[in-house]
């Protein structure tokens, strides 16, 4: 599993959602990198793309509502980062479906997903958590 305690930002609901995202992406990466025929892995790819398309919307909406409640000054920038990621996932899902879930493209996406999640949580989300701490705001 790629989730590490150091990724926690100290906001329980968001940490739980992050852990779920990391877990699902880790399962996805493991499934597509294990031995076996690619055709047998395509169902896992499809399931993961559906999950990402749905769950990131739920998670991002929650995180953005929380930021608005806090009066977080970088809320708009954070929203734009989320929107770019959602667009990337939507584009990838369509391209995969159109191209028949080509193995190399899926492998590249898997690496990008891992990198994006880690970088976003340790940079942008930690910045939000720091704001919460500095302002003495509620961590829900």
C-alpha atoms as a PDB file:
ATOM      1  CA  UNK A   1       0.000   0.000   0.000  1.00  0.00           C
ATOM      2  CA  UNK A   2       1.305   3.455  -0.833  1.00  0.00           C
ATOM      3  CA  UNK A   3      -0.513   5.273   1.980  1.00  0.00           C
ATOM      4  CA  UNK A   4       1.843   6.544   4.634  1.00  0.00           C
ATOM      5  CA  UNK A   5       1.035   8.196   7.929  1.00  0.00           C
ATOM      6  CA  UNK A   6       3.086  11.218   6.864  1.00  0.00           C
ATOM      7  CA  UNK A   7       0.408  11.964   4.246  1.00  0.00           C
ATOM      8  CA  UNK A   8      -2.148  12.692   6.956  1.00  0.00           C
ATOM      9  CA  UNK A   9      -3.059  16.344   7.124  1.00  0.00           C
ATOM     10  CA  UNK A  10      -4.830  16.137  10.473  1.00  0.00           C
ATOM     11  CA  UNK A  11      -8.336  16.724   9.148  1.00  0.00           C
ATOM     12  CA  UNK A  12     -10.064  13.377   9.866  1.00  0.00           C
ATOM     13  CA  UNK A  13     -12.667  13.266   7.098  1.00  0.00           C
ATOM     14  CA  UNK A  14     -10.216  14.369   4.435  1.00  0.00           C
ATOM     15  CA  UNK A  15      -7.548  11.980   5.713  1.00  0.00           C
ATOM     16  CA  UNK A  16     -10.043   9.104   5.500  1.00  0.00           C
ATOM     17  CA  UNK A  17     -10.974  10.078   1.943  1.00  0.00           C
ATOM     18  CA  UNK A  18      -7.313  10.390   0.969  1.00  0.00           C
ATOM     19  CA  UNK A  19      -6.590   6.970   2.416  1.00  0.00           C
ATOM     20  CA  UNK A  20      -9.409   5.489   0.324  1.00  0.00           C
ATOM     21  CA  UNK A  21      -8.052   7.142  -2.826  1.00  0.00           C
ATOM     22  CA  UNK A  22      -4.526   5.911  -2.135  1.00  0.00           C
ATOM     23  CA  UNK A  23      -5.797   2.407  -1.412  1.00  0.00           C
ATOM     24  CA  UNK A  24      -7.792   2.169  -4.618  1.00  0.00           C
ATOM     25  CA  UNK A  25      -4.988   3.583  -6.746  1.00  0.00           C
ATOM     26  CA  UNK A  26      -2.496   1.207  -5.099  1.00  0.00           C
ATOM     27  CA  UNK A  27      -4.798  -1.765  -5.824  1.00  0.00           C
ATOM     28  CA  UNK A  28      -5.123  -0.567  -9.409  1.00  0.00           C
ATOM     29  CA  UNK A  29      -1.368  -0.231  -9.871  1.00  0.00           C
ATOM     30  CA  UNK A  30      -0.745  -3.634  -8.334  1.00  0.00           C
ATOM     31  CA  UNK A  31      -3.400  -5.268 -10.504  1.00  0.00           C
ATOM     32  CA  UNK A  32      -2.071  -3.907 -13.781  1.00  0.00           C
ATOM     33  CA  UNK A  33       1.571  -4.605 -12.926  1.00  0.00           C
ATOM     34  CA  UNK A  34       1.147  -8.209 -11.835  1.00  0.00           C
ATOM     35  CA  UNK A  35       1.877 -11.094 -14.145  1.00  0.00           C
ATOM     36  CA  UNK A  36      -0.867 -12.240 -16.419  1.00  0.00           C
ATOM     37  CA  UNK A  37      -2.618 -11.460 -19.652  1.00  0.00           C
ATOM     38  CA  UNK A  38      -3.590  -7.840 -20.181  1.00  0.00           C
ATOM     39  CA  UNK A  39      -7.081  -8.794 -21.297  1.00  0.00           C
ATOM     40  CA  UNK A  40      -7.700 -10.197 -17.814  1.00  0.00           C
ATOM     41  CA  UNK A  41      -6.799  -6.842 -16.236  1.00  0.00           C
ATOM     42  CA  UNK A  42      -9.066  -4.623 -18.308  1.00  0.00           C
ATOM     43  CA  UNK A  43     -12.062  -5.049 -15.987  1.00  0.00           C
ATOM     44  CA  UNK A  44      -9.985  -3.686 -13.076  1.00  0.00           C
ATOM     45  CA  UNK A  45      -8.967  -0.733 -15.260  1.00  0.00           C
ATOM     46  CA  UNK A  46     -12.596   0.007 -16.112  1.00  0.00           C
ATOM     47  CA  UNK A  47     -13.679  -0.304 -12.465  1.00  0.00           C
ATOM     48  CA  UNK A  48     -10.919   2.033 -11.340  1.00  0.00           C
ATOM     49  CA  UNK A  49     -11.763   4.645 -13.953  1.00  0.00           C
ATOM     50  CA  UNK A  50     -15.412   4.615 -12.867  1.00  0.00           C
ATOM     51  CA  UNK A  51     -14.376   4.881  -9.220  1.00  0.00           C
ATOM     52  CA  UNK A  52     -12.035   7.786  -9.918  1.00  0.00           C
ATOM     53  CA  UNK A  53     -14.596   9.647 -11.985  1.00  0.00           C
ATOM     54  CA  UNK A  54     -17.114   9.385  -9.158  1.00  0.00           C
ATOM     55  CA  UNK A  55     -15.024   9.477  -5.992  1.00  0.00           C
ATOM     56  CA  UNK A  56     -12.734  12.356  -6.841  1.00  0.00           C
ATOM     57  CA  UNK A  57     -15.796  14.499  -7.495  1.00  0.00           C
ATOM     58  CA  UNK A  58     -17.191  13.580  -4.074  1.00  0.00           C
ATOM     59  CA  UNK A  59     -13.864  14.112  -2.346  1.00  0.00           C
ATOM     60  CA  UNK A  60     -13.002  17.345  -4.137  1.00  0.00           C
ATOM     61  CA  UNK A  61     -16.469  18.770  -3.470  1.00  0.00           C
ATOM     62  CA  UNK A  62     -16.138  17.991   0.233  1.00  0.00           C
ATOM     63  CA  UNK A  63     -12.658  19.444   0.425  1.00  0.00           C
ATOM     64  CA  UNK A  64     -13.673  22.613  -1.416  1.00  0.00           C
ATOM     65  CA  UNK A  65     -16.788  23.123   0.741  1.00  0.00           C
ATOM     66  CA  UNK A  66     -14.622  22.731   3.832  1.00  0.00           C
ATOM     67  CA  UNK A  67     -12.187  25.314   2.462  1.00  0.00           C
ATOM     68  CA  UNK A  68     -15.006  27.753   1.776  1.00  0.00           C
ATOM     69  CA  UNK A  69     -16.322  27.277   5.300  1.00  0.00           C
ATOM     70  CA  UNK A  70     -12.851  28.091   6.623  1.00  0.00           C
ATOM     71  CA  UNK A  71     -12.434  31.125   4.420  1.00  0.00           C
ATOM     72  CA  UNK A  72      -9.300  29.493   3.013  1.00  0.00           C
ATOM     73  CA  UNK A  73      -7.546  32.141   0.888  1.00  0.00           C
ATOM     74  CA  UNK A  74      -6.249  29.681  -1.735  1.00  0.00           C
ATOM     75  CA  UNK A  75      -9.635  28.033  -2.264  1.00  0.00           C
ATOM     76  CA  UNK A  76      -9.943  29.123  -5.905  1.00  0.00           C
ATOM     77  CA  UNK A  77      -6.435  27.946  -6.787  1.00  0.00           C
ATOM     78  CA  UNK A  78      -7.117  24.620  -5.073  1.00  0.00           C
ATOM     79  CA  UNK A  79     -10.393  24.311  -6.984  1.00  0.00           C
ATOM     80  CA  UNK A  80      -8.558  24.906 -10.272  1.00  0.00           C
ATOM     81  CA  UNK A  81      -6.075  22.135  -9.441  1.00  0.00           C
ATOM     82  CA  UNK A  82      -8.979  19.794  -8.739  1.00  0.00           C
ATOM     83  CA  UNK A  83     -10.747  20.756 -11.956  1.00  0.00           C
ATOM     84  CA  UNK A  84      -7.623  20.055 -14.011  1.00  0.00           C
ATOM     85  CA  UNK A  85      -7.280  16.620 -12.412  1.00  0.00           C
ATOM     86  CA  UNK A  86     -10.948  15.772 -12.988  1.00  0.00           C
ATOM     87  CA  UNK A  87     -10.611  16.815 -16.630  1.00  0.00           C
ATOM     88  CA  UNK A  88      -7.495  14.669 -16.958  1.00  0.00           C
ATOM     89  CA  UNK A  89      -9.312  11.630 -15.539  1.00  0.00           C
ATOM     90  CA  UNK A  90     -12.340  12.212 -17.805  1.00  0.00           C
ATOM     91  CA  UNK A  91     -10.084  12.557 -20.839  1.00  0.00           C
ATOM     92  CA  UNK A  92      -8.110   9.419 -19.949  1.00  0.00           C
ATOM     93  CA  UNK A  93     -11.285   7.392 -19.393  1.00  0.00           C
ATOM     94  CA  UNK A  94     -12.633   8.405 -22.800  1.00  0.00           C
ATOM     95  CA  UNK A  95      -9.320   7.772 -24.553  1.00  0.00           C
ATOM     96  CA  UNK A  96      -8.997   4.351 -22.939  1.00  0.00           C
ATOM     97  CA  UNK A  97     -12.509   3.365 -23.922  1.00  0.00           C
ATOM     98  CA  UNK A  98     -12.027   4.624 -27.477  1.00  0.00           C
ATOM     99  CA  UNK A  99      -8.640   2.902 -27.889  1.00  0.00           C
ATOM    100  CA  UNK A 100      -9.563  -0.381 -26.233  1.00  0.00           C
ATOM    101  CA  UNK A 101      -7.646   0.117 -22.979  1.00  0.00           C
ATOM    102  CA  UNK A 102      -4.163   0.004 -24.468  1.00  0.00           C
ATOM    103  CA  UNK A 103      -1.745  -1.368 -21.865  1.00  0.00           C
ATOM    104  CA  UNK A 104       1.032   1.186 -22.281  1.00  0.00           C
ATOM    105  CA  UNK A 105      -1.343   4.148 -21.914  1.00  0.00           C
ATOM    106  CA  UNK A 106      -2.879   2.652 -18.774  1.00  0.00           C
ATOM    107  CA  UNK A 107       0.567   2.004 -17.274  1.00  0.00           C
ATOM    108  CA  UNK A 108       1.523   5.643 -17.896  1.00  0.00           C
ATOM    109  CA  UNK A 109      -1.700   6.832 -16.261  1.00  0.00           C
ATOM    110  CA  UNK A 110      -1.038   4.637 -13.224  1.00  0.00           C
ATOM    111  CA  UNK A 111       2.302   6.346 -12.664  1.00  0.00           C
ATOM    112  CA  UNK A 112       0.748   9.774 -13.147  1.00  0.00           C
ATOM    113  CA  UNK A 113      -2.027   8.979 -10.666  1.00  0.00           C
ATOM    114  CA  UNK A 114       0.440   7.978  -7.987  1.00  0.00           C
ATOM    115  CA  UNK A 115       2.599  11.034  -8.548  1.00  0.00           C
ATOM    116  CA  UNK A 116      -0.370  13.417  -8.617  1.00  0.00           C
ATOM    117  CA  UNK A 117      -1.917  12.041  -5.436  1.00  0.00           C
ATOM    118  CA  UNK A 118       1.308  12.179  -3.475  1.00  0.00           C
ATOM    119  CA  UNK A 119       2.287  15.624  -4.730  1.00  0.00           C
ATOM    120  CA  UNK A 120      -1.166  17.082  -4.198  1.00  0.00           C
ATOM    121  CA  UNK A 121      -1.548  15.761  -0.665  1.00  0.00           C
ATOM    122  CA  UNK A 122       1.944  16.685   0.517  1.00  0.00           C
ATOM    123  CA  UNK A 123       1.857  20.120  -1.109  1.00  0.00           C
ATOM    124  CA  UNK A 124      -1.583  21.669  -1.663  1.00  0.00           C
ATOM    125  CA  UNK A 125      -3.493  19.795   1.029  1.00  0.00           C
ATOM    126  CA  UNK A 126      -0.743  20.200   3.614  1.00  0.00           C
ATOM    127  CA  UNK A 127      -0.824  23.920   2.870  1.00  0.00           C
ATOM    128  CA  UNK A 128      -4.543  23.937   3.676  1.00  0.00           C
ATOM    129  CA  UNK A 129      -3.882  22.004   6.891  1.00  0.00           C
ATOM    130  CA  UNK A 130      -1.212  24.510   7.860  1.00  0.00           C
ATOM    131  CA  UNK A 131      -3.735  27.322   7.398  1.00  0.00           C
ATOM    132  CA  UNK A 132      -6.212  25.463   9.635  1.00  0.00           C
ATOM    133  CA  UNK A 133      -3.539  25.109  12.322  1.00  0.00           C
ATOM    134  CA  UNK A 134      -2.358  28.715  12.080  1.00  0.00           C
ATOM    135  CA  UNK A 135      -5.918  30.042  12.298  1.00  0.00           C
ATOM    136  CA  UNK A 136      -6.925  27.649  15.093  1.00  0.00           C
ATOM    137  CA  UNK A 137      -9.859  26.386  13.011  1.00  0.00           C
ATOM    138  CA  UNK A 138     -11.940  23.246  13.470  1.00  0.00           C
ATOM    139  CA  UNK A 139     -10.666  20.009  11.971  1.00  0.00           C
ATOM    140  CA  UNK A 140     -13.656  17.945  10.879  1.00  0.00           C
END
